Amino acid sequence: MTTGQARDKGRSPEQRDEAFRREVADVFCQTLLLARFHDIDVMGAVHDKWLAWAEPGIDS
């Protein structure tokens, strides 16, 4: 998914990929913390926003 536009800072492609994975994990976890703070039902919101148009049975 990376486009090669990032500064490599002397890191190998594998190290850059690992750093990218770690950043995605950070964003995901911070989002979950934000949802918990605001008492958001994440599963319900995902169902309503993303799975509302899915084929029957896909969200079970």
N, C-alpha and C. Protein backbone atom coordinates (compact mmCIF):
# COMPACT_ATOMS: atom_id res chain seq x y z
N MET A 1 0.81 -1.19 0.00
CA MET A 1 0.00 0.00 0.00
C MET A 1 0.86 1.26 0.00
N THR A 2 2.08 1.15 0.40
CA THR A 2 2.93 2.33 0.40
C THR A 2 3.28 2.70 -1.04
N THR A 3 3.50 3.98 -1.26
CA THR A 3 3.73 4.49 -2.61
C THR A 3 5.18 4.86 -2.88
N GLY A 4 6.03 4.69 -1.89
CA GLY A 4 7.43 5.04 -2.08
C GLY A 4 7.72 6.52 -1.88
N GLN A 5 6.77 7.28 -1.39
CA GLN A 5 6.95 8.71 -1.21
C GLN A 5 7.54 9.07 0.16
N ALA A 6 7.54 8.13 1.08
CA ALA A 6 8.04 8.41 2.43
C ALA A 6 9.57 8.47 2.42
N ARG A 7 10.11 9.26 3.32
CA ARG A 7 11.56 9.27 3.51
C ARG A 7 11.96 7.98 4.19
N ASP A 8 12.96 7.32 3.66
CA ASP A 8 13.30 6.00 4.20
C ASP A 8 14.15 6.08 5.47
N LYS A 9 14.80 7.22 5.71
CA LYS A 9 15.60 7.41 6.93
C LYS A 9 16.59 6.26 7.14
N GLY A 10 17.10 5.72 6.04
CA GLY A 10 18.08 4.64 6.12
C GLY A 10 17.49 3.28 6.43
N ARG A 11 16.18 3.16 6.41
CA ARG A 11 15.53 1.89 6.73
C ARG A 11 15.33 1.06 5.46
N SER A 12 15.34 -0.24 5.65
CA SER A 12 15.08 -1.17 4.55
C SER A 12 13.59 -1.17 4.24
N PRO A 13 13.20 -1.70 3.08
CA PRO A 13 11.77 -1.80 2.78
C PRO A 13 11.02 -2.60 3.84
N GLU A 14 11.63 -3.64 4.37
CA GLU A 14 10.99 -4.44 5.42
C GLU A 14 10.78 -3.62 6.68
N GLN A 15 11.76 -2.81 7.04
CA GLN A 15 11.63 -1.96 8.23
C GLN A 15 10.56 -0.90 8.02
N ARG A 16 10.49 -0.34 6.81
CA ARG A 16 9.44 0.64 6.52
C ARG A 16 8.06 -0.01 6.58
N ASP A 17 7.95 -1.23 6.06
CA ASP A 17 6.67 -1.94 6.13
C ASP A 17 6.26 -2.21 7.57
N GLU A 18 7.21 -2.60 8.40
CA GLU A 18 6.92 -2.85 9.81
C GLU A 18 6.48 -1.56 10.50
N ALA A 19 7.16 -0.46 10.21
CA ALA A 19 6.78 0.83 10.80
C ALA A 19 5.37 1.23 10.36
N PHE A 20 5.04 0.96 9.11
CA PHE A 20 3.70 1.26 8.61
C PHE A 20 2.66 0.42 9.34
N ARG A 21 2.93 -0.87 9.51
CA ARG A 21 1.99 -1.74 10.24
C ARG A 21 1.79 -1.24 11.66
N ARG A 22 2.87 -0.81 12.30
CA ARG A 22 2.77 -0.32 13.67
C ARG A 22 1.94 0.97 13.73
N GLU A 23 2.09 1.82 12.74
CA GLU A 23 1.30 3.06 12.71
C GLU A 23 -0.19 2.76 12.52
N VAL A 24 -0.50 1.79 11.65
CA VAL A 24 -1.90 1.40 11.47
C VAL A 24 -2.47 0.88 12.78
N ALA A 25 -1.68 0.07 13.49
CA ALA A 25 -2.12 -0.45 14.78
C ALA A 25 -2.36 0.69 15.77
N ASP A 26 -1.49 1.69 15.76
CA ASP A 26 -1.67 2.85 16.64
C ASP A 26 -2.99 3.57 16.34
N VAL A 27 -3.24 3.82 15.07
CA VAL A 27 -4.47 4.52 14.68
C VAL A 27 -5.70 3.71 15.10
N PHE A 28 -5.65 2.40 14.86
CA PHE A 28 -6.77 1.53 15.23
C PHE A 28 -7.02 1.58 16.73
N CYS A 29 -5.97 1.45 17.52
CA CYS A 29 -6.14 1.43 18.98
C CYS A 29 -6.60 2.79 19.51
N GLN A 30 -6.07 3.87 18.97
CA GLN A 30 -6.51 5.19 19.39
C GLN A 30 -7.99 5.40 19.04
N THR A 31 -8.42 4.88 17.91
CA THR A 31 -9.82 4.98 17.52
C THR A 31 -10.71 4.21 18.48
N LEU A 32 -10.26 3.02 18.88
CA LEU A 32 -11.03 2.25 19.86
C LEU A 32 -11.11 2.97 21.20
N LEU A 33 -10.02 3.59 21.62
CA LEU A 33 -10.04 4.36 22.87
C LEU A 33 -11.00 5.54 22.77
N LEU A 34 -11.00 6.22 21.65
CA LEU A 34 -11.91 7.34 21.43
C LEU A 34 -13.36 6.87 21.47
N ALA A 35 -13.63 5.75 20.84
CA ALA A 35 -14.99 5.20 20.85
C ALA A 35 -15.41 4.84 22.27
N ARG A 36 -14.51 4.24 23.02
CA ARG A 36 -14.86 3.86 24.40
C ARG A 36 -15.13 5.11 25.24
N PHE A 37 -14.30 6.14 25.08
CA PHE A 37 -14.47 7.37 25.84
C PHE A 37 -15.84 7.99 25.56
N HIS A 38 -16.28 7.92 24.31
CA HIS A 38 -17.56 8.52 23.92
C HIS A 38 -18.71 7.52 23.94
N ASP A 39 -18.46 6.36 24.54
CA ASP A 39 -19.49 5.32 24.71
C ASP A 39 -20.16 4.97 23.38
N ILE A 40 -19.33 4.72 22.37
CA ILE A 40 -19.82 4.36 21.04
C ILE A 40 -19.81 2.85 20.90
N ASP A 41 -20.92 2.29 20.47
CA ASP A 41 -21.01 0.87 20.16
C ASP A 41 -20.36 0.66 18.80
N VAL A 42 -19.09 0.29 18.81
CA VAL A 42 -18.33 0.17 17.56
C VAL A 42 -18.94 -0.88 16.64
N MET A 43 -19.27 -2.03 17.18
CA MET A 43 -19.85 -3.09 16.35
C MET A 43 -21.18 -2.63 15.73
N GLY A 44 -21.99 -1.95 16.52
CA GLY A 44 -23.26 -1.44 16.00
C GLY A 44 -23.03 -0.39 14.92
N ALA A 45 -22.08 0.49 15.15
CA ALA A 45 -21.78 1.53 14.17
C ALA A 45 -21.23 0.94 12.87
N VAL A 46 -20.37 -0.07 13.00
CA VAL A 46 -19.84 -0.74 11.80
C VAL A 46 -20.97 -1.42 11.05
N HIS A 47 -21.84 -2.07 11.79
CA HIS A 47 -22.99 -2.72 11.14
C HIS A 47 -23.83 -1.70 10.38
N ASP A 48 -24.16 -0.60 11.04
CA ASP A 48 -25.02 0.41 10.42
C ASP A 48 -24.35 1.10 9.24
N LYS A 49 -23.06 1.37 9.36
CA LYS A 49 -22.35 2.15 8.34
C LYS A 49 -21.83 1.28 7.20
N TRP A 50 -21.25 0.13 7.51
CA TRP A 50 -20.56 -0.67 6.50
C TRP A 50 -21.32 -1.91 6.06
N LEU A 51 -22.11 -2.49 6.94
CA LEU A 51 -22.74 -3.76 6.61
C LEU A 51 -24.21 -3.63 6.23
N ALA A 52 -24.73 -2.42 6.26
CA ALA A 52 -26.14 -2.22 5.95
C ALA A 52 -26.48 -2.68 4.54
N TRP A 53 -25.52 -2.61 3.64
CA TRP A 53 -25.76 -2.97 2.24
C TRP A 53 -25.19 -4.35 1.89
N ALA A 54 -24.69 -5.06 2.88
CA ALA A 54 -24.08 -6.37 2.63
C ALA A 54 -25.16 -7.41 2.34
N GLU A 55 -24.71 -8.50 1.80
CA GLU A 55 -25.62 -9.61 1.54
C GLU A 55 -26.14 -10.16 2.87
N PRO A 56 -27.34 -10.68 2.89
CA PRO A 56 -27.89 -11.24 4.14
C PRO A 56 -26.97 -12.32 4.71
N GLY A 57 -26.79 -12.27 6.02
CA GLY A 57 -25.97 -13.26 6.71
C GLY A 57 -24.51 -12.92 6.80
N ILE A 58 -24.05 -11.86 6.14
CA ILE A 58 -22.62 -11.55 6.15
C ILE A 58 -22.18 -10.97 7.48
N ASP A 59 -23.09 -10.39 8.24
CA ASP A 59 -22.72 -9.75 9.51
C ASP A 59 -22.97 -10.65 10.71
N SER A 60 -23.32 -11.88 10.50
CA SER A 60 -23.60 -12.76 11.64
C SER A 60 -22.36 -13.48 12.09
